[in-house]
N, C-alpha and C. Protein backbone atom coordinates (compact mmCIF):
# COMPACT_ATOMS: atom_id res chain seq x y z
N MET A 1 -62.58 19.00 265.69
CA MET A 1 -61.38 19.82 265.57
C MET A 1 -60.17 18.98 265.15
N GLU A 2 -60.44 17.72 264.81
CA GLU A 2 -59.35 16.84 264.38
C GLU A 2 -58.67 17.34 263.11
N HIS A 3 -59.46 17.91 262.20
CA HIS A 3 -58.89 18.43 260.95
C HIS A 3 -57.97 19.62 261.23
N THR A 4 -58.39 20.46 262.15
CA THR A 4 -57.58 21.61 262.52
C THR A 4 -56.27 21.17 263.17
N ALA A 5 -56.37 20.17 264.03
CA ALA A 5 -55.16 19.64 264.68
C ALA A 5 -54.22 19.02 263.64
N ALA A 6 -54.79 18.29 262.69
CA ALA A 6 -53.96 17.66 261.65
C ALA A 6 -53.26 18.72 260.80
N LEU A 7 -53.97 19.77 260.43
CA LEU A 7 -53.35 20.83 259.64
C LEU A 7 -52.28 21.56 260.46
N THR A 8 -52.53 21.78 261.73
CA THR A 8 -51.53 22.41 262.59
C THR A 8 -50.26 21.57 262.62
N LEU A 9 -50.41 20.27 262.76
CA LEU A 9 -49.24 19.38 262.72
C LEU A 9 -48.53 19.45 261.38
N ALA A 10 -49.29 19.50 260.28
CA ALA A 10 -48.69 19.63 258.95
C ALA A 10 -47.89 20.93 258.83
N LEU A 11 -48.43 22.02 259.37
CA LEU A 11 -47.72 23.29 259.34
C LEU A 11 -46.42 23.22 260.15
N LEU A 12 -46.47 22.56 261.29
CA LEU A 12 -45.27 22.42 262.11
C LEU A 12 -44.23 21.51 261.45
N ILE A 13 -44.70 20.45 260.81
CA ILE A 13 -43.77 19.57 260.09
C ILE A 13 -43.14 20.32 258.92
N GLU A 14 -43.94 21.10 258.20
CA GLU A 14 -43.41 21.91 257.11
C GLU A 14 -42.32 22.84 257.62
N TYR A 15 -42.58 23.49 258.75
CA TYR A 15 -41.59 24.39 259.33
C TYR A 15 -40.33 23.63 259.73
N PHE A 16 -40.49 22.47 260.31
CA PHE A 16 -39.35 21.64 260.69
C PHE A 16 -38.52 21.29 259.45
N ILE A 17 -39.18 20.97 258.35
CA ILE A 17 -38.47 20.67 257.09
C ILE A 17 -37.69 21.90 256.63
N PHE A 18 -38.31 23.08 256.72
CA PHE A 18 -37.60 24.30 256.35
C PHE A 18 -36.37 24.51 257.22
N MET A 19 -36.48 24.17 258.51
CA MET A 19 -35.31 24.27 259.39
C MET A 19 -34.21 23.31 258.93
N MET A 20 -34.61 22.11 258.55
CA MET A 20 -33.63 21.13 258.06
C MET A 20 -32.96 21.62 256.77
N LEU A 21 -33.74 22.27 255.91
CA LEU A 21 -33.18 22.81 254.67
C LEU A 21 -32.10 23.85 254.96
N VAL A 22 -32.29 24.63 256.03
CA VAL A 22 -31.28 25.62 256.42
C VAL A 22 -29.99 24.91 256.81
N GLY A 23 -30.12 23.86 257.61
CA GLY A 23 -28.93 23.09 257.99
C GLY A 23 -28.24 22.47 256.79
N MET A 24 -29.01 21.94 255.86
CA MET A 24 -28.43 21.36 254.66
C MET A 24 -27.77 22.44 253.80
N ALA A 25 -28.39 23.62 253.74
CA ALA A 25 -27.80 24.72 252.97
C ALA A 25 -26.50 25.18 253.60
N ARG A 26 -26.42 25.15 254.92
CA ARG A 26 -25.15 25.48 255.60
C ARG A 26 -24.05 24.53 255.13
N GLY A 27 -24.37 23.25 255.12
CA GLY A 27 -23.39 22.26 254.70
C GLY A 27 -23.00 22.42 253.24
N LYS A 28 -23.98 22.68 252.39
CA LYS A 28 -23.73 22.81 250.95
C LYS A 28 -22.89 24.04 250.62
N THR A 29 -23.12 25.13 251.36
CA THR A 29 -22.48 26.40 251.01
C THR A 29 -21.27 26.73 251.89
N GLY A 30 -21.09 25.98 252.97
CA GLY A 30 -19.96 26.24 253.86
C GLY A 30 -20.15 27.43 254.79
N VAL A 31 -21.40 27.87 254.97
CA VAL A 31 -21.69 28.95 255.91
C VAL A 31 -21.88 28.30 257.28
N ASN A 32 -20.86 28.41 258.11
CA ASN A 32 -20.89 27.75 259.41
C ASN A 32 -21.55 28.63 260.46
N ALA A 33 -22.28 27.99 261.38
CA ALA A 33 -22.91 28.71 262.49
C ALA A 33 -21.82 29.36 263.33
N PRO A 34 -22.04 30.53 263.83
CA PRO A 34 -23.30 31.27 263.90
C PRO A 34 -23.52 32.24 262.75
N ALA A 35 -22.72 32.17 261.70
CA ALA A 35 -22.86 33.10 260.57
C ALA A 35 -24.27 33.00 259.97
N MET A 36 -24.80 34.14 259.57
CA MET A 36 -26.13 34.21 258.97
C MET A 36 -26.08 34.74 257.54
N THR A 37 -24.89 35.05 257.07
CA THR A 37 -24.72 35.57 255.72
C THR A 37 -23.49 34.93 255.10
N GLY A 38 -23.35 35.14 253.80
CA GLY A 38 -22.14 34.69 253.14
C GLY A 38 -22.37 33.99 251.82
N ASP A 39 -23.56 33.45 251.61
CA ASP A 39 -23.87 32.79 250.35
C ASP A 39 -25.34 33.05 250.02
N PRO A 40 -25.64 33.49 248.82
CA PRO A 40 -27.03 33.81 248.46
C PRO A 40 -28.00 32.63 248.65
N PHE A 41 -27.59 31.43 248.25
CA PHE A 41 -28.50 30.27 248.40
C PHE A 41 -28.80 30.01 249.87
N PHE A 42 -27.78 30.08 250.71
CA PHE A 42 -28.01 29.90 252.15
C PHE A 42 -28.94 30.99 252.68
N GLU A 43 -28.67 32.23 252.31
CA GLU A 43 -29.48 33.34 252.81
C GLU A 43 -30.94 33.23 252.35
N GLN A 44 -31.17 32.79 251.12
CA GLN A 44 -32.52 32.60 250.61
C GLN A 44 -33.22 31.49 251.40
N THR A 45 -32.52 30.40 251.66
CA THR A 45 -33.09 29.29 252.41
C THR A 45 -33.42 29.72 253.84
N LEU A 46 -32.52 30.48 254.43
CA LEU A 46 -32.75 31.00 255.78
C LEU A 46 -33.95 31.93 255.81
N ARG A 47 -34.10 32.76 254.79
CA ARG A 47 -35.24 33.69 254.73
C ARG A 47 -36.57 32.92 254.64
N VAL A 48 -36.58 31.81 253.91
CA VAL A 48 -37.80 30.99 253.84
C VAL A 48 -38.19 30.55 255.24
N GLN A 49 -37.21 30.04 255.98
CA GLN A 49 -37.48 29.57 257.34
C GLN A 49 -37.91 30.72 258.24
N GLN A 50 -37.22 31.84 258.19
CA GLN A 50 -37.56 32.98 259.05
C GLN A 50 -38.91 33.59 258.68
N ASN A 51 -39.17 33.74 257.38
CA ASN A 51 -40.46 34.29 256.95
C ASN A 51 -41.60 33.38 257.40
N THR A 52 -41.40 32.08 257.31
CA THR A 52 -42.45 31.14 257.72
C THR A 52 -42.71 31.26 259.22
N LEU A 53 -41.65 31.35 260.01
CA LEU A 53 -41.82 31.51 261.45
C LEU A 53 -42.59 32.79 261.76
N GLU A 54 -42.25 33.88 261.06
CA GLU A 54 -42.94 35.15 261.27
C GLU A 54 -44.43 35.03 260.98
N GLN A 55 -44.79 34.22 260.01
CA GLN A 55 -46.20 34.09 259.64
C GLN A 55 -46.94 33.09 260.53
N LEU A 56 -46.25 32.05 260.98
CA LEU A 56 -46.93 31.05 261.81
C LEU A 56 -47.44 31.64 263.12
N ILE A 57 -46.81 32.70 263.59
CA ILE A 57 -47.22 33.30 264.86
C ILE A 57 -48.65 33.84 264.81
N HIS A 58 -49.11 34.20 263.62
CA HIS A 58 -50.52 34.63 263.53
C HIS A 58 -51.39 33.61 262.80
N VAL A 59 -50.80 32.77 261.97
CA VAL A 59 -51.61 31.81 261.22
C VAL A 59 -52.17 30.71 262.13
N ILE A 60 -51.35 30.16 263.00
CA ILE A 60 -51.83 29.05 263.83
C ILE A 60 -52.96 29.51 264.78
N PRO A 61 -52.78 30.61 265.52
CA PRO A 61 -53.92 31.03 266.36
C PRO A 61 -55.17 31.39 265.55
N SER A 62 -54.99 32.08 264.43
CA SER A 62 -56.17 32.47 263.64
C SER A 62 -56.84 31.25 263.02
N LEU A 63 -56.06 30.22 262.67
CA LEU A 63 -56.63 28.97 262.17
C LEU A 63 -57.58 28.37 263.21
N TRP A 64 -57.11 28.27 264.45
CA TRP A 64 -57.92 27.68 265.51
C TRP A 64 -59.13 28.53 265.86
N ILE A 65 -58.94 29.84 265.90
CA ILE A 65 -60.07 30.73 266.22
C ILE A 65 -61.12 30.66 265.12
N CYS A 66 -60.68 30.71 263.87
CA CYS A 66 -61.60 30.63 262.75
C CYS A 66 -62.32 29.27 262.74
N ALA A 67 -61.59 28.21 263.01
CA ALA A 67 -62.19 26.87 263.02
C ALA A 67 -63.24 26.74 264.12
N TYR A 68 -62.95 27.27 265.28
CA TYR A 68 -63.85 27.12 266.43
C TYR A 68 -65.07 28.04 266.34
N PHE A 69 -64.85 29.29 265.98
CA PHE A 69 -65.94 30.26 266.04
C PHE A 69 -66.67 30.46 264.71
N PHE A 70 -66.03 30.07 263.58
CA PHE A 70 -66.67 30.30 262.28
C PHE A 70 -67.04 28.97 261.64
N ASN A 71 -66.05 28.24 261.10
CA ASN A 71 -66.33 26.96 260.45
C ASN A 71 -65.02 26.20 260.29
N GLU A 72 -64.98 25.00 260.83
CA GLU A 72 -63.73 24.24 260.79
C GLU A 72 -63.29 23.88 259.37
N LEU A 73 -64.19 23.38 258.55
CA LEU A 73 -63.77 22.97 257.20
C LEU A 73 -63.31 24.17 256.37
N PHE A 74 -63.97 25.30 256.54
CA PHE A 74 -63.54 26.52 255.87
C PHE A 74 -62.12 26.89 256.31
N ALA A 75 -61.90 26.90 257.63
CA ALA A 75 -60.59 27.27 258.17
C ALA A 75 -59.50 26.31 257.69
N VAL A 76 -59.80 25.03 257.67
CA VAL A 76 -58.80 24.05 257.24
C VAL A 76 -58.52 24.19 255.74
N ALA A 77 -59.54 24.47 254.95
CA ALA A 77 -59.32 24.68 253.51
C ALA A 77 -58.44 25.90 253.27
N VAL A 78 -58.74 26.99 253.96
CA VAL A 78 -57.94 28.21 253.80
C VAL A 78 -56.53 27.99 254.35
N GLY A 79 -56.42 27.32 255.48
CA GLY A 79 -55.11 27.01 256.05
C GLY A 79 -54.29 26.13 255.14
N SER A 80 -54.94 25.25 254.41
CA SER A 80 -54.24 24.39 253.45
C SER A 80 -53.67 25.21 252.29
N VAL A 81 -54.38 26.26 251.91
CA VAL A 81 -53.85 27.17 250.89
C VAL A 81 -52.56 27.81 251.41
N PHE A 82 -52.56 28.20 252.68
CA PHE A 82 -51.34 28.75 253.28
C PHE A 82 -50.21 27.73 253.22
N LEU A 83 -50.48 26.49 253.59
CA LEU A 83 -49.48 25.43 253.59
C LEU A 83 -48.88 25.25 252.19
N VAL A 84 -49.71 25.15 251.19
CA VAL A 84 -49.24 24.99 249.81
C VAL A 84 -48.50 26.24 249.34
N GLY A 85 -49.02 27.40 249.72
CA GLY A 85 -48.35 28.65 249.37
C GLY A 85 -46.94 28.72 249.91
N ARG A 86 -46.74 28.21 251.11
CA ARG A 86 -45.39 28.20 251.70
C ARG A 86 -44.45 27.27 250.93
N ILE A 87 -44.98 26.17 250.42
CA ILE A 87 -44.15 25.27 249.61
C ILE A 87 -43.74 25.97 248.32
N ILE A 88 -44.70 26.61 247.68
CA ILE A 88 -44.40 27.34 246.44
C ILE A 88 -43.42 28.48 246.73
N PHE A 89 -43.61 29.18 247.83
CA PHE A 89 -42.71 30.24 248.26
C PHE A 89 -41.30 29.69 248.43
N CYS A 90 -41.17 28.57 249.11
CA CYS A 90 -39.87 27.96 249.35
C CYS A 90 -39.16 27.59 248.05
N ILE A 91 -39.87 26.91 247.19
CA ILE A 91 -39.27 26.49 245.92
C ILE A 91 -38.87 27.71 245.10
N GLY A 92 -39.76 28.69 245.01
CA GLY A 92 -39.47 29.89 244.24
C GLY A 92 -38.32 30.69 244.81
N TYR A 93 -38.35 30.94 246.11
CA TYR A 93 -37.33 31.78 246.75
C TYR A 93 -35.95 31.14 246.63
N ARG A 94 -35.88 29.83 246.81
CA ARG A 94 -34.58 29.16 246.76
C ARG A 94 -34.02 29.10 245.33
N SER A 95 -34.89 29.15 244.33
CA SER A 95 -34.39 29.14 242.96
C SER A 95 -34.01 30.54 242.48
N ALA A 96 -34.81 31.53 242.83
CA ALA A 96 -34.55 32.94 242.50
C ALA A 96 -35.54 33.77 243.30
N PRO A 97 -35.06 34.72 244.11
CA PRO A 97 -35.96 35.48 244.99
C PRO A 97 -37.18 36.09 244.31
N GLU A 98 -37.05 36.49 243.06
CA GLU A 98 -38.19 37.10 242.38
C GLU A 98 -39.29 36.08 242.08
N LYS A 99 -39.01 34.79 242.23
CA LYS A 99 -40.01 33.76 241.96
C LYS A 99 -40.83 33.40 243.21
N ARG A 100 -40.67 34.14 244.28
CA ARG A 100 -41.38 33.81 245.52
C ARG A 100 -42.75 34.45 245.61
N THR A 101 -43.09 35.33 244.68
CA THR A 101 -44.29 36.16 244.79
C THR A 101 -45.59 35.36 244.87
N ILE A 102 -45.78 34.39 243.99
CA ILE A 102 -47.04 33.63 243.98
C ILE A 102 -47.26 32.94 245.32
N GLY A 103 -46.23 32.27 245.82
CA GLY A 103 -46.35 31.59 247.11
C GLY A 103 -46.59 32.55 248.25
N PHE A 104 -45.91 33.70 248.20
CA PHE A 104 -46.11 34.70 249.24
C PHE A 104 -47.54 35.22 249.24
N VAL A 105 -48.06 35.55 248.07
CA VAL A 105 -49.41 36.10 247.96
C VAL A 105 -50.43 35.06 248.43
N MET A 106 -50.25 33.80 248.03
CA MET A 106 -51.17 32.75 248.49
C MET A 106 -51.20 32.69 250.02
N GLY A 107 -50.03 32.67 250.62
CA GLY A 107 -49.94 32.57 252.08
C GLY A 107 -50.50 33.80 252.77
N TRP A 108 -50.17 34.97 252.23
CA TRP A 108 -50.64 36.21 252.85
C TRP A 108 -52.16 36.31 252.78
N LEU A 109 -52.72 36.05 251.60
CA LEU A 109 -54.18 36.11 251.47
C LEU A 109 -54.86 35.09 252.38
N ALA A 110 -54.32 33.88 252.44
CA ALA A 110 -54.90 32.86 253.31
C ALA A 110 -54.86 33.30 254.77
N SER A 111 -53.75 33.87 255.18
CA SER A 111 -53.65 34.31 256.58
C SER A 111 -54.64 35.44 256.87
N MET A 112 -54.83 36.34 255.93
CA MET A 112 -55.80 37.43 256.14
C MET A 112 -57.22 36.89 256.21
N VAL A 113 -57.54 35.90 255.36
CA VAL A 113 -58.88 35.30 255.39
C VAL A 113 -59.11 34.59 256.72
N LEU A 114 -58.09 33.90 257.23
CA LEU A 114 -58.23 33.25 258.54
C LEU A 114 -58.48 34.26 259.65
N ILE A 115 -57.74 35.35 259.62
CA ILE A 115 -57.93 36.38 260.64
C ILE A 115 -59.33 36.99 260.54
N LEU A 116 -59.74 37.33 259.33
CA LEU A 116 -61.07 37.92 259.14
C LEU A 116 -62.17 36.93 259.50
N GLY A 117 -62.00 35.66 259.11
CA GLY A 117 -62.98 34.64 259.47
C GLY A 117 -63.07 34.46 260.97
N GLY A 118 -61.93 34.48 261.63
CA GLY A 118 -61.92 34.39 263.09
C GLY A 118 -62.61 35.57 263.73
N CYS A 119 -62.32 36.76 263.21
CA CYS A 119 -62.97 37.98 263.74
C CYS A 119 -64.49 37.90 263.56
N TRP A 120 -64.89 37.52 262.37
CA TRP A 120 -66.34 37.41 262.09
C TRP A 120 -66.98 36.40 263.03
N GLY A 121 -66.34 35.25 263.20
CA GLY A 121 -66.89 34.22 264.08
C GLY A 121 -67.00 34.67 265.52
N VAL A 122 -65.96 35.32 266.02
CA VAL A 122 -65.98 35.79 267.41
C VAL A 122 -67.02 36.88 267.59
N ILE A 123 -67.06 37.83 266.67
CA ILE A 123 -68.02 38.95 266.79
C ILE A 123 -69.45 38.43 266.74
N THR A 124 -69.75 37.57 265.79
CA THR A 124 -71.12 37.04 265.70
C THR A 124 -71.45 36.19 266.91
N SER A 125 -70.49 35.47 267.43
CA SER A 125 -70.71 34.67 268.64
C SER A 125 -71.02 35.57 269.84
N LEU A 126 -70.31 36.66 269.94
CA LEU A 126 -70.53 37.60 271.05
C LEU A 126 -71.94 38.22 270.97
N PHE A 127 -72.38 38.58 269.78
CA PHE A 127 -73.64 39.25 269.64
C PHE A 127 -74.83 38.30 269.57
N LEU A 128 -74.61 37.10 269.10
CA LEU A 128 -75.71 36.15 268.98
C LEU A 128 -75.98 35.37 270.27
N THR A 129 -74.98 35.29 271.14
CA THR A 129 -75.15 34.53 272.38
C THR A 129 -75.51 35.42 273.55
N ASN A 130 -75.46 36.72 273.38
CA ASN A 130 -75.79 37.62 274.50
C ASN A 130 -77.10 38.30 274.30
């Protein structure tokens, strides 16, 4: 499960970087806390961070469930697609919101595959071990 742990750490580091980008965008645009609006670039950067947080709540557990009950290398490969998709999403969204689609779709599909893989692994484990 070392690969799964390493990918989980990479996902958390990526999220931490997105948080730092929000702080840097605040400084660049002059949007002072606690304000959440006021400059499109700041708002786009904040949305990247918030969207990523919203997705991590199901991606991290499904990554571990899929890795444990289905196949670790499969789960890590699919989870890596999510990680890269988030990078593409971030770059696209911060340059122009309409450019976020490819990264979003990559991440969304990866998260769905992790959930389905986890479901398949748990269901087959339940029926094959009883």
